PDB file of N, CA and C in Angstrom:
ATOM      1  N   MET A   1    -105.044 220.538 -23.504  1.00  0.00           N
ATOM      2  CA  MET A   1    -105.633 219.235 -23.729  1.00  0.00           C
ATOM      3  C   MET A   1    -105.089 218.269 -22.674  1.00  0.00           C
ATOM      4  N   ARG A   2    -105.986 217.547 -22.059  1.00  0.00           N
ATOM      5  CA  ARG A   2    -105.603 216.572 -21.049  1.00  0.00           C
ATOM      6  C   ARG A   2    -105.101 215.302 -21.719  1.00  0.00           C
ATOM      7  N   LYS A   3    -104.029 214.766 -21.205  1.00  0.00           N
ATOM      8  CA  LYS A   3    -103.467 213.524 -21.748  1.00  0.00           C
ATOM      9  C   LYS A   3    -103.464 212.476 -20.659  1.00  0.00           C
ATOM     10  N   SER A   4    -103.588 211.235 -21.068  1.00  0.00           N
ATOM     11  CA  SER A   4    -103.522 210.146 -20.101  1.00  0.00           C
ATOM     12  C   SER A   4    -102.674 209.026 -20.663  1.00  0.00           C
ATOM     13  N   ASN A   5    -102.227 208.178 -19.778  1.00  0.00           N
ATOM     14  CA  ASN A   5    -101.418 207.032 -20.179  1.00  0.00           C
ATOM     15  C   ASN A   5    -102.290 205.791 -20.239  1.00  0.00           C
ATOM     16  N   PHE A   6    -101.954 204.933 -21.195  1.00  0.00           N
ATOM     17  CA  PHE A   6    -102.681 203.682 -21.347  1.00  0.00           C
ATOM     18  C   PHE A   6    -101.682 202.633 -21.804  1.00  0.00           C
ATOM     19  N   ALA A   7    -101.591 201.551 -21.044  1.00  0.00           N
ATOM     20  CA  ALA A   7    -100.677 200.470 -21.416  1.00  0.00           C
ATOM     21  C   ALA A   7    -101.314 199.687 -22.565  1.00  0.00           C
ATOM     22  N   LEU A   8    -100.645 199.676 -23.677  1.00  0.00           N
ATOM     23  CA  LEU A   8    -101.168 199.000 -24.867  1.00  0.00           C
ATOM     24  C   LEU A   8    -100.318 197.774 -25.161  1.00  0.00           C
ATOM     25  N   ARG A   9    -100.959 196.639 -25.244  1.00  0.00           N
ATOM     26  CA  ARG A   9    -100.243 195.400 -25.549  1.00  0.00           C
ATOM     27  C   ARG A   9    -100.466 195.073 -27.014  1.00  0.00           C
ATOM     28  N   LEU A  10     -99.399 195.115 -27.783  1.00  0.00           N
ATOM     29  CA  LEU A  10     -99.452 194.790 -29.202  1.00  0.00           C
ATOM     30  C   LEU A  10     -98.642 193.532 -29.469  1.00  0.00           C
ATOM     31  N   GLN A  11     -99.070 192.786 -30.461  1.00  0.00           N
ATOM     32  CA  GLN A  11     -98.266 191.655 -30.894  1.00  0.00           C
ATOM     33  C   GLN A  11     -96.930 192.204 -31.389  1.00  0.00           C
ATOM     34  N   PRO A  12     -95.841 191.495 -31.117  1.00  0.00           N
ATOM     35  CA  PRO A  12     -94.517 191.993 -31.515  1.00  0.00           C
ATOM     36  C   PRO A  12     -94.427 192.351 -33.003  1.00  0.00           C
ATOM     37  N   SER A  13     -95.027 191.542 -33.864  1.00  0.00           N
ATOM     38  CA  SER A  13     -94.947 191.841 -35.296  1.00  0.00           C
ATOM     39  C   SER A  13     -95.694 193.129 -35.642  1.00  0.00           C
ATOM     40  N   LEU A  14     -96.825 193.373 -34.974  1.00  0.00           N
ATOM     41  CA  LEU A  14     -97.598 194.585 -35.211  1.00  0.00           C
ATOM     42  C   LEU A  14     -96.842 195.810 -34.689  1.00  0.00           C
ATOM     43  N   LEU A  15     -96.249 195.683 -33.533  1.00  0.00           N
ATOM     44  CA  LEU A  15     -95.456 196.769 -32.968  1.00  0.00           C
ATOM     45  C   LEU A  15     -94.282 197.101 -33.870  1.00  0.00           C
ATOM     46  N   ASP A  16     -93.619 196.084 -34.388  1.00  0.00           N
ATOM     47  CA  ASP A  16     -92.478 196.294 -35.287  1.00  0.00           C
ATOM     48  C   ASP A  16     -92.904 197.051 -36.545  1.00  0.00           C
ATOM     49  N   GLU A  17     -94.032 196.645 -37.124  1.00  0.00           N
ATOM     50  CA  GLU A  17     -94.534 197.325 -38.321  1.00  0.00           C
ATOM     51  C   GLU A  17     -94.931 198.762 -38.002  1.00  0.00           C
ATOM     52  N   ALA A  18     -95.550 198.982 -36.853  1.00  0.00           N
ATOM     53  CA  ALA A  18     -95.951 200.332 -36.457  1.00  0.00           C
ATOM     54  C   ALA A  18     -94.723 201.218 -36.258  1.00  0.00           C
ATOM     55  N   ARG A  19     -93.689 200.675 -35.646  1.00  0.00           N
ATOM     56  CA  ARG A  19     -92.447 201.452 -35.458  1.00  0.00           C
ATOM     57  C   ARG A  19     -91.819 201.815 -36.804  1.00  0.00           C
ATOM     58  N   LYS A  20     -91.795 200.848 -37.724  1.00  0.00           N
ATOM     59  CA  LYS A  20     -91.224 201.109 -39.049  1.00  0.00           C
ATOM     60  C   LYS A  20     -92.015 202.195 -39.777  1.00  0.00           C
ATOM     61  N   LEU A  21     -93.336 202.112 -39.703  1.00  0.00           N
ATOM     62  CA  LEU A  21     -94.169 203.095 -40.375  1.00  0.00           C
ATOM     63  C   LEU A  21     -93.993 204.473 -39.750  1.00  0.00           C
ATOM     64  N   ALA A  22     -93.961 204.544 -38.432  1.00  0.00           N
ATOM     65  CA  ALA A  22     -93.764 205.824 -37.745  1.00  0.00           C
ATOM     66  C   ALA A  22     -92.433 206.444 -38.159  1.00  0.00           C
ATOM     67  N   GLU A  23     -91.417 205.616 -38.229  1.00  0.00           N
ATOM     68  CA  GLU A  23     -90.092 206.118 -38.621  1.00  0.00           C
ATOM     69  C   GLU A  23     -90.114 206.619 -40.062  1.00  0.00           C
ATOM     70  N   SER A  24     -90.741 205.868 -40.951  1.00  0.00           N
ATOM     71  CA  SER A  24     -90.782 206.280 -42.354  1.00  0.00           C
ATOM     72  C   SER A  24     -91.614 207.548 -42.546  1.00  0.00           C
ATOM     73  N   GLU A  25     -92.614 207.762 -41.670  1.00  0.00           N
ATOM     74  CA  GLU A  25     -93.447 208.962 -41.734  1.00  0.00           C
ATOM     75  C   GLU A  25     -92.813 210.136 -40.990  1.00  0.00           C
ATOM     76  N   GLY A  26     -91.771 209.849 -40.219  1.00  0.00           N
ATOM     77  CA  GLY A  26     -91.096 210.902 -39.465  1.00  0.00           C
ATOM     78  C   GLY A  26     -91.883 211.376 -38.259  1.00  0.00           C
ATOM     79  N   VAL A  27     -92.655 210.477 -37.660  1.00  0.00           N
ATOM     80  CA  VAL A  27     -93.444 210.836 -36.480  1.00  0.00           C
ATOM     81  C   VAL A  27     -93.141 209.858 -35.358  1.00  0.00           C
ATOM     82  N   ALA A  28     -93.499 210.253 -34.156  1.00  0.00           N
ATOM     83  CA  ALA A  28     -93.327 209.368 -33.002  1.00  0.00           C
ATOM     84  C   ALA A  28     -94.353 208.241 -33.080  1.00  0.00           C
ATOM     85  N   LEU A  29     -93.995 207.114 -32.529  1.00  0.00           N
ATOM     86  CA  LEU A  29     -94.903 205.967 -32.501  1.00  0.00           C
ATOM     87  C   LEU A  29     -96.211 206.347 -31.804  1.00  0.00           C
ATOM     88  N   ASN A  30     -96.114 207.103 -30.724  1.00  0.00           N
ATOM     89  CA  ASN A  30     -97.303 207.538 -29.996  1.00  0.00           C
ATOM     90  C   ASN A  30     -98.236 208.351 -30.909  1.00  0.00           C
ATOM     91  N   GLN A  31     -97.652 209.246 -31.687  1.00  0.00           N
ATOM     92  CA  GLN A  31     -98.456 210.067 -32.593  1.00  0.00           C
ATOM     93  C   GLN A  31     -99.113 209.204 -33.667  1.00  0.00           C
ATOM     94  N   LEU A  32     -98.378 208.253 -34.203  1.00  0.00           N
ATOM     95  CA  LEU A  32     -98.931 207.354 -35.217  1.00  0.00           C
ATOM     96  C   LEU A  32    -100.130 206.585 -34.665  1.00  0.00           C
ATOM     97  N   ILE A  33     -99.996 206.081 -33.456  1.00  0.00           N
ATOM     98  CA  ILE A  33    -101.088 205.322 -32.846  1.00  0.00           C
ATOM     99  C   ILE A  33    -102.278 206.235 -32.566  1.00  0.00           C
ATOM    100  N   ASN A  34    -102.036 207.455 -32.084  1.00  0.00           N
ATOM    101  CA  ASN A  34    -103.120 208.407 -31.853  1.00  0.00           C
ATOM    102  C   ASN A  34    -103.883 208.703 -33.134  1.00  0.00           C
ATOM    103  N   VAL A  35    -103.171 208.931 -34.218  1.00  0.00           N
ATOM    104  CA  VAL A  35    -103.813 209.231 -35.499  1.00  0.00           C
ATOM    105  C   VAL A  35    -104.589 208.019 -36.004  1.00  0.00           C
ATOM    106  N   ALA A  36    -104.012 206.831 -35.852  1.00  0.00           N
ATOM    107  CA  ALA A  36    -104.694 205.616 -36.306  1.00  0.00           C
ATOM    108  C   ALA A  36    -106.001 205.399 -35.539  1.00  0.00           C
ATOM    109  N   VAL A  37    -105.979 205.623 -34.239  1.00  0.00           N
ATOM    110  CA  VAL A  37    -107.194 205.473 -33.434  1.00  0.00           C
ATOM    111  C   VAL A  37    -108.219 206.538 -33.836  1.00  0.00           C
ATOM    112  N   ALA A  38    -107.760 207.770 -34.046  1.00  0.00           N
ATOM    113  CA  ALA A  38    -108.668 208.841 -34.453  1.00  0.00           C
ATOM    114  C   ALA A  38    -109.310 208.541 -35.806  1.00  0.00           C
ATOM    115  N   GLU A  39    -108.530 208.023 -36.751  1.00  0.00           N
ATOM    116  CA  GLU A  39    -109.073 207.680 -38.067  1.00  0.00           C
ATOM    117  C   GLU A  39    -110.109 206.564 -37.959  1.00  0.00           C
ATOM    118  N   LYS A  40    -109.843 205.568 -37.143  1.00  0.00           N
ATOM    119  CA  LYS A  40    -110.793 204.460 -36.976  1.00  0.00           C
ATOM    120  C   LYS A  40    -112.086 204.951 -36.332  1.00  0.00           C
ATOM    121  N   LEU A  41    -111.973 205.774 -35.290  1.00  0.00           N
ATOM    122  CA  LEU A  41    -113.164 206.320 -34.652  1.00  0.00           C
ATOM    123  C   LEU A  41    -113.985 207.153 -35.631  1.00  0.00           C
ATOM    124  N   SER A  42    -113.308 207.938 -36.431  1.00  0.00           N
ATOM    125  CA  SER A  42    -113.996 208.758 -37.429  1.00  0.00           C
ATOM    126  C   SER A  42    -114.741 207.885 -38.434  1.00  0.00           C
ATOM    127  N   ALA A  43    -114.105 206.824 -38.887  1.00  0.00           N
ATOM    128  CA  ALA A  43    -114.739 205.919 -39.846  1.00  0.00           C
ATOM    129  C   ALA A  43    -115.969 205.255 -39.232  1.00  0.00           C
ATOM    130  N   LEU A  44    -115.870 204.818 -37.993  1.00  0.00           N
ATOM    131  CA  LEU A  44    -116.998 204.171 -37.335  1.00  0.00           C
ATOM    132  C   LEU A  44    -118.139 205.153 -37.090  1.00  0.00           C
ATOM    133  N   ARG A  45    -117.807 206.371 -36.700  1.00  0.00           N
ATOM    134  CA  ARG A  45    -118.850 207.386 -36.494  1.00  0.00           C
ATOM    135  C   ARG A  45    -119.539 207.734 -37.808  1.00  0.00           C
ATOM    136  N   THR A  46    -118.766 207.817 -38.874  1.00  0.00           N
ATOM    137  CA  THR A  46    -119.345 208.115 -40.182  1.00  0.00           C
ATOM    138  C   THR A  46    -120.286 207.001 -40.614  1.00  0.00           C
ATOM    139  N   GLU A  47    -119.863 205.769 -40.423  1.00  0.00           N
ATOM    140  CA  GLU A  47    -120.707 204.624 -40.767  1.00  0.00           C
ATOM    141  C   GLU A  47    -122.005 204.667 -39.963  1.00  0.00           C
ATOM    142  N   SER A  48    -121.904 204.962 -38.691  1.00  0.00           N
ATOM    143  CA  SER A  48    -123.070 205.048 -37.825  1.00  0.00           C
ATOM    144  C   SER A  48    -123.998 206.181 -38.263  1.00  0.00           C
ATOM    145  N   TYR A  49    -123.413 207.315 -38.632  1.00  0.00           N
ATOM    146  CA  TYR A  49    -124.196 208.468 -39.088  1.00  0.00           C
ATOM    147  C   TYR A  49    -125.013 208.108 -40.326  1.00  0.00           C
ATOM    148  N   PHE A  50    -124.370 207.488 -41.311  1.00  0.00           N
ATOM    149  CA  PHE A  50    -125.080 207.141 -42.538  1.00  0.00           C
ATOM    150  C   PHE A  50    -126.110 206.031 -42.309  1.00  0.00           C
ATOM    151  N   ALA A  51    -125.829 205.113 -41.405  1.00  0.00           N
ATOM    152  CA  ALA A  51    -126.804 204.072 -41.086  1.00  0.00           C
ATOM    153  C   ALA A  51    -128.050 204.695 -40.458  1.00  0.00           C
ATOM    154  N   GLU A  52    -127.844 205.651 -39.576  1.00  0.00           N
ATOM    155  CA  GLU A  52    -128.975 206.340 -38.945  1.00  0.00           C
ATOM    156  C   GLU A  52    -129.765 207.141 -39.973  1.00  0.00           C
ATOM    157  N   ARG A  53    -129.059 207.829 -40.863  1.00  0.00           N
ATOM    158  CA  ARG A  53    -129.744 208.591 -41.919  1.00  0.00           C
ATOM    159  C   ARG A  53    -130.530 207.661 -42.836  1.00  0.00           C
ATOM    160  N   ALA A  54    -129.977 206.507 -43.148  1.00  0.00           N
ATOM    161  CA  ALA A  54    -130.640 205.558 -44.038  1.00  0.00           C
ATOM    162  C   ALA A  54    -131.951 205.065 -43.425  1.00  0.00           C
ATOM    163  N   LYS A  55    -131.996 204.932 -42.101  1.00  0.00           N
ATOM    164  CA  LYS A  55    -133.224 204.486 -41.438  1.00  0.00           C
ATOM    165  C   LYS A  55    -134.366 205.480 -41.646  1.00  0.00           C
ATOM    166  N   ARG A  56    -134.007 206.761 -41.794  1.00  0.00           N
ATOM    167  CA  ARG A  56    -135.029 207.801 -41.952  1.00  0.00           C
ATOM    168  C   ARG A  56    -135.355 208.081 -43.415  1.00  0.00           C
ATOM    169  N   ALA A  57    -134.711 207.358 -44.305  1.00  0.00           N
ATOM    170  CA  ALA A  57    -134.876 207.629 -45.738  1.00  0.00           C
ATOM    171  C   ALA A  57    -136.290 207.299 -46.209  1.00  0.00           C
ATOM    172  N   ASP A  58    -136.765 208.109 -47.122  1.00  0.00           N
ATOM    173  CA  ASP A  58    -138.053 207.862 -47.772  1.00  0.00           C
ATOM    174  C   ASP A  58    -137.714 207.508 -49.222  1.00  0.00           C
ATOM    175  N   ILE A  59    -137.526 206.213 -49.485  1.00  0.00           N
ATOM    176  CA  ILE A  59    -137.063 205.749 -50.792  1.00  0.00           C
ATOM    177  C   ILE A  59    -138.006 206.171 -51.926  1.00  0.00           C
ATOM    178  N   PRO A  60    -139.303 205.952 -51.815  1.00  0.00           N
ATOM    179  CA  PRO A  60    -140.193 206.382 -52.905  1.00  0.00           C
ATOM    180  C   PRO A  60    -140.085 207.888 -53.204  1.00  0.00           C
ATOM    181  N   LYS A  61    -139.954 208.693 -52.155  1.00  0.00           N
ATOM    182  CA  LYS A  61    -139.824 210.138 -52.345  1.00  0.00           C
ATOM    183  C   LYS A  61    -138.505 210.471 -53.061  1.00  0.00           C
ATOM    184  N   ALA A  62    -137.430 209.780 -52.685  1.00  0.00           N
ATOM    185  CA  ALA A  62    -136.133 210.013 -53.312  1.00  0.00           C
ATOM    186  C   ALA A  62    -136.172 209.622 -54.789  1.00  0.00           C
ATOM    187  N   ILE A  63    -136.799 208.502 -55.108  1.00  0.00           N
ATOM    188  CA  ILE A  63    -136.890 208.051 -56.500  1.00  0.00           C
ATOM    189  C   ILE A  63    -137.726 209.030 -57.318  1.00  0.00           C
ATOM    190  N   ALA A  64    -138.827 209.521 -56.729  1.00  0.00           N
ATOM    191  CA  ALA A  64    -139.656 210.510 -57.426  1.00  0.00           C
ATOM    192  C   ALA A  64    -138.860 211.774 -57.709  1.00  0.00           C
ATOM    193  N   LEU A  65    -138.046 212.193 -56.769  1.00  0.00           N
ATOM    194  CA  LEU A  65    -137.216 213.379 -56.953  1.00  0.00           C
ATOM    195  C   LEU A  65    -136.204 213.159 -58.076  1.00  0.00           C
ATOM    196  N   LEU A  66    -135.572 211.989 -58.101  1.00  0.00           N
ATOM    197  CA  LEU A  66    -134.592 211.693 -59.149  1.00  0.00           C
ATOM    198  C   LEU A  66    -135.244 211.642 -60.531  1.00  0.00           C
ATOM    199  N   LYS A  67    -136.472 211.150 -60.597  1.00  0.00           N
ATOM    200  CA  LYS A  67    -137.170 211.084 -61.876  1.00  0.00           C
ATOM    201  C   LYS A  67    -137.489 212.474 -62.408  1.00  0.00           C
ATOM    202  N   ARG A  68    -137.678 213.422 -61.510  1.00  0.00           N
ATOM    203  CA  ARG A  68    -137.966 214.802 -61.903  1.00  0.00           C
ATOM    204  C   ARG A  68    -136.726 215.539 -62.396  1.00  0.00           C
ATOM    205  N   ALA A  69    -135.569 215.114 -61.951  1.00  0.00           N
ATOM    206  CA  ALA A  69    -134.323 215.833 -62.242  1.00  0.00           C
ATOM    207  C   ALA A  69    -134.113 215.989 -63.734  1.00  0.00           C
ATOM    208  N   GLY A  70    -133.965 217.196 -64.168  1.00  0.00           N
ATOM    209  CA  GLY A  70    -133.693 217.481 -65.578  1.00  0.00           C
ATOM    210  C   GLY A  70    -134.930 217.547 -66.432  1.00  0.00           C
ATOM    211  N   GLY A  71    -135.983 216.934 -65.990  1.00  0.00           N
ATOM    212  CA  GLY A  71    -137.224 216.955 -66.769  1.00  0.00           C
ATOM    213  C   GLY A  71    -136.995 216.485 -68.188  1.00  0.00           C
ATOM    214  N   ASP A  72    -137.548 217.195 -69.133  1.00  0.00           N
ATOM    215  CA  ASP A  72    -137.396 216.857 -70.552  1.00  0.00           C
ATOM    216  C   ASP A  72    -136.280 217.650 -71.201  1.00  0.00           C
ATOM    217  N   ASN A  73    -135.466 218.294 -70.415  1.00  0.00           N
ATOM    218  CA  ASN A  73    -134.378 219.104 -70.966  1.00  0.00           C
ATOM    219  C   ASN A  73    -133.280 218.208 -71.515  1.00  0.00           C
ATOM    220  N   PRO A  74    -132.841 218.477 -72.736  1.00  0.00           N
ATOM    221  CA  PRO A  74    -131.730 217.685 -73.275  1.00  0.00           C
ATOM    222  C   PRO A  74    -130.425 218.081 -72.586  1.00  0.00           C
ATOM    223  N   PRO A  75    -129.426 217.218 -72.640  1.00  0.00           N
ATOM    224  CA  PRO A  75    -128.131 217.569 -72.047  1.00  0.00           C
ATOM    225  C   PRO A  75    -127.570 218.829 -72.696  1.00  0.00           C
ATOM    226  N   VAL A  76    -126.880 219.618 -71.927  1.00  0.00           N
ATOM    227  CA  VAL A  76    -126.250 220.834 -72.447  1.00  0.00           C
ATOM    228  C   VAL A  76    -124.794 220.580 -72.711  1.00  0.00           C
ATOM    229  N   LYS A  77    -124.171 221.443 -73.483  1.00  0.00           N
ATOM    230  CA  LYS A  77    -122.752 221.300 -73.798  1.00  0.00           C
ATOM    231  C   LYS A  77    -121.959 221.228 -72.490  1.00  0.00           C
ATOM    232  N   GLY A  78    -121.098 220.236 -72.390  1.00  0.00           N
ATOM    233  CA  GLY A  78    -120.310 220.019 -71.188  1.00  0.00           C
ATOM    234  C   GLY A  78    -120.830 218.870 -70.344  1.00  0.00           C
ATOM    235  N   ASP A  79    -122.050 218.375 -70.661  1.00  0.00           N
ATOM    236  CA  ASP A  79    -122.614 217.255 -69.926  1.00  0.00           C
ATOM    237  C   ASP A  79    -122.166 215.897 -70.457  1.00  0.00           C
ATOM    238  N   GLU A  80    -121.346 215.908 -71.515  1.00  0.00           N
ATOM    239  CA  GLU A  80    -120.941 214.641 -72.133  1.00  0.00           C
ATOM    240  C   GLU A  80    -120.136 213.801 -71.161  1.00  0.00           C
ATOM    241  N   LEU A  81    -120.266 212.485 -71.319  1.00  0.00           N
ATOM    242  CA  LEU A  81    -119.450 211.579 -70.539  1.00  0.00           C
ATOM    243  C   LEU A  81    -118.070 211.492 -71.179  1.00  0.00           C
ATOM    244  N   PRO A  82    -117.046 211.206 -70.385  1.00  0.00           N
ATOM    245  CA  PRO A  82    -115.700 211.070 -70.970  1.00  0.00           C
ATOM    246  C   PRO A  82    -115.717 210.005 -72.067  1.00  0.00           C
ATOM    247  N   GLY A  83    -115.068 210.305 -73.161  1.00  0.00           N
ATOM    248  CA  GLY A  83    -114.980 209.366 -74.268  1.00  0.00           C
ATOM    249  C   GLY A  83    -116.092 209.528 -75.283  1.00  0.00           C
ATOM    250  N   ASP A  84    -117.073 210.389 -74.998  1.00  0.00           N
ATOM    251  CA  ASP A  84    -118.166 210.612 -75.961  1.00  0.00           C
ATOM    252  C   ASP A  84    -117.754 211.629 -77.009  1.00  0.00           C
TER     253      ASP A  84
END
């Protein structure tokens, strides 16, 4: 895997908190920052993926499908909600 250097300017308070967290997790500060960036990218990509899927959604078709689910079949043993 290719690695590169990047000068990162953090506010002193943010850097201090990141160092404390890295120490408490038992990892290097560099590793903590790499994981944090990877998690953020993953979250943004996931959001983008679902937004794109939502654009292609056929709401009436989805509602019709949900209305068909189960038909006239009564709930079976094990379908109870907690507390029922």
